[in-house]
Protein backbone atom coordinates (compact mmCIF):
# COMPACT_ATOMS: atom_id res chain seq x y z
CA UNK A 1 43.29 37.53 7.96
CA UNK A 2 40.85 34.69 7.53
CA UNK A 3 40.04 32.70 4.40
CA UNK A 4 36.97 33.81 2.47
CA UNK A 5 34.82 30.98 1.18
CA UNK A 6 33.19 32.22 -2.05
CA UNK A 7 30.66 29.38 -2.17
CA UNK A 8 29.43 30.26 1.30
CA UNK A 9 29.30 33.99 0.53
CA UNK A 10 27.15 33.40 -2.57
CA UNK A 11 24.56 31.58 -0.39
CA UNK A 12 23.98 34.76 1.64
CA UNK A 13 21.99 36.65 -1.02
CA UNK A 14 19.64 36.06 -3.96
CA UNK A 15 19.37 39.45 -5.68
CA UNK A 16 20.78 39.98 -9.17
CA UNK A 17 23.00 42.87 -10.33
CA UNK A 18 23.61 43.98 -6.73
CA UNK A 19 27.30 43.72 -5.81
CA UNK A 20 28.30 42.83 -2.24
CA UNK A 21 31.68 43.73 -0.76
CA UNK A 22 33.70 40.77 0.55
CA UNK A 23 37.09 42.46 0.96
CA UNK A 24 39.28 45.51 0.49
CA UNK A 25 42.83 45.92 -0.75
CA UNK A 26 44.92 48.86 -1.91
CA UNK A 27 41.97 51.22 -2.28
CA UNK A 28 39.91 48.61 -4.13
CA UNK A 29 36.84 46.60 -3.20
CA UNK A 30 36.56 42.91 -3.94
CA UNK A 31 32.88 42.39 -4.77
CA UNK A 32 30.72 39.43 -5.67
CA UNK A 33 27.39 39.45 -7.48
CA UNK A 34 24.83 37.14 -8.97
CA UNK A 35 23.79 38.26 -12.44
CA UNK A 36 21.07 37.17 -14.83
CA UNK A 37 19.47 38.95 -17.76
CA UNK A 38 20.86 42.16 -19.22
CA UNK A 39 22.60 45.06 -17.52
CA UNK A 40 22.76 48.53 -19.10
CA UNK A 41 25.28 50.04 -21.50
CA UNK A 42 27.74 52.05 -19.41
CA UNK A 43 31.37 53.03 -19.00
CA UNK A 44 33.71 54.00 -16.19
CA UNK A 45 35.65 57.08 -17.19
CA UNK A 46 38.31 56.84 -14.48
CA UNK A 47 38.53 53.17 -13.51
CA UNK A 48 39.34 49.81 -15.06
CA UNK A 49 36.98 46.98 -14.08
CA UNK A 50 37.88 43.32 -13.60
CA UNK A 51 35.23 40.62 -14.11
CA UNK A 52 36.00 37.06 -12.91
CA UNK A 53 33.47 34.27 -13.48
CA UNK A 54 33.07 31.87 -10.56
CA UNK A 55 30.03 29.96 -11.86
CA UNK A 56 27.98 30.17 -15.04
CA UNK A 57 28.73 32.16 -18.17
CA UNK A 58 29.03 35.93 -18.53
CA UNK A 59 28.78 37.79 -21.83
CA UNK A 60 30.12 41.31 -22.17
CA UNK A 61 29.03 43.24 -25.23
CA UNK A 62 31.15 46.04 -26.61
CA UNK A 63 30.15 48.31 -29.48
CA UNK A 64 32.37 46.34 -31.88
CA UNK A 65 32.36 42.79 -30.44
CA UNK A 66 31.15 40.45 -27.69
CA UNK A 67 33.25 38.42 -25.25
CA UNK A 68 32.10 35.29 -23.41
CA UNK A 69 33.65 34.32 -20.07
CA UNK A 70 33.38 30.84 -18.54
CA UNK A 71 34.20 29.74 -14.97
CA UNK A 72 37.81 30.49 -14.11
CA UNK A 73 38.11 33.19 -16.78
CA UNK A 74 38.44 36.93 -16.28
CA UNK A 75 38.41 40.09 -18.34
CA UNK A 76 39.63 43.59 -17.57
CA UNK A 77 37.53 46.32 -19.17
CA UNK A 78 39.67 49.40 -19.63
CA UNK A 79 38.47 52.76 -18.37
CA UNK A 80 36.35 54.67 -20.82
CA UNK A 81 35.24 51.57 -22.77
CA UNK A 82 31.48 51.27 -23.12
CA UNK A 83 30.19 47.79 -22.26
CA UNK A 84 27.05 45.83 -21.37
CA UNK A 85 27.31 42.62 -19.32
CA UNK A 86 24.59 40.00 -19.55
CA UNK A 87 23.96 36.37 -18.60
CA UNK A 88 21.33 34.01 -19.98
CA UNK A 89 21.36 31.92 -16.78
CA UNK A 90 22.27 32.91 -13.23
CA UNK A 91 26.01 33.52 -13.10
CA UNK A 92 28.26 34.22 -10.12
CA UNK A 93 30.98 36.81 -10.64
CA UNK A 94 33.73 38.51 -8.67
CA UNK A 95 34.73 42.11 -9.40
CA UNK A 96 37.81 44.14 -8.49
CA UNK A 97 37.19 47.89 -8.64
CA UNK A 98 38.34 51.10 -6.94
CA UNK A 99 36.11 51.96 -3.98
CA UNK A 100 34.63 54.97 -5.81
CA UNK A 101 33.40 52.91 -8.80
CA UNK A 102 29.64 53.16 -9.33
CA UNK A 103 28.26 49.99 -10.96
CA UNK A 104 26.44 51.89 -13.71
CA UNK A 105 29.23 54.39 -14.40
CA UNK A 106 29.39 58.06 -13.53
CA UNK A 107 26.73 59.29 -15.95
CA UNK A 108 24.26 56.42 -16.38
CA UNK A 109 21.84 56.09 -13.46
CA UNK A 110 19.03 53.55 -13.63
CA UNK A 111 17.02 51.27 -11.38
CA UNK A 112 20.15 49.04 -11.37
CA UNK A 113 22.40 51.75 -9.85
CA UNK A 114 23.68 50.73 -6.42
CA UNK A 115 25.12 53.67 -4.46
CA UNK A 116 25.27 51.80 -1.15
CA UNK A 117 26.80 48.33 -1.13
CA UNK A 118 26.36 45.74 1.56
CA UNK A 119 29.30 43.93 3.13
CA UNK A 120 29.26 40.18 3.65
């Protein structure tokens, strides 16, 4: 049980849209990622997904609206809701998701799909 310094963890990688595991709790991974540009439309049929913005600004498009998150803000996307995250500038985010959650959802595989995640 040691403190986790998010600033230090974000210095350990440069890739975008590639989550890294920084902790585990109650069957969930705590992940961090740097994001920039657009992700793909996807949904998670069996899991909710929590996005927390550490640095920058994250936009999440839904079929009927768009939500903008600033540093210190979070959003929980309910299971089954189609969404597309994007960021105009590099943004640092933290995610809380069940261990089995695939970043592009169960049915949408693309070059952004990450089946194996690194641990920091």
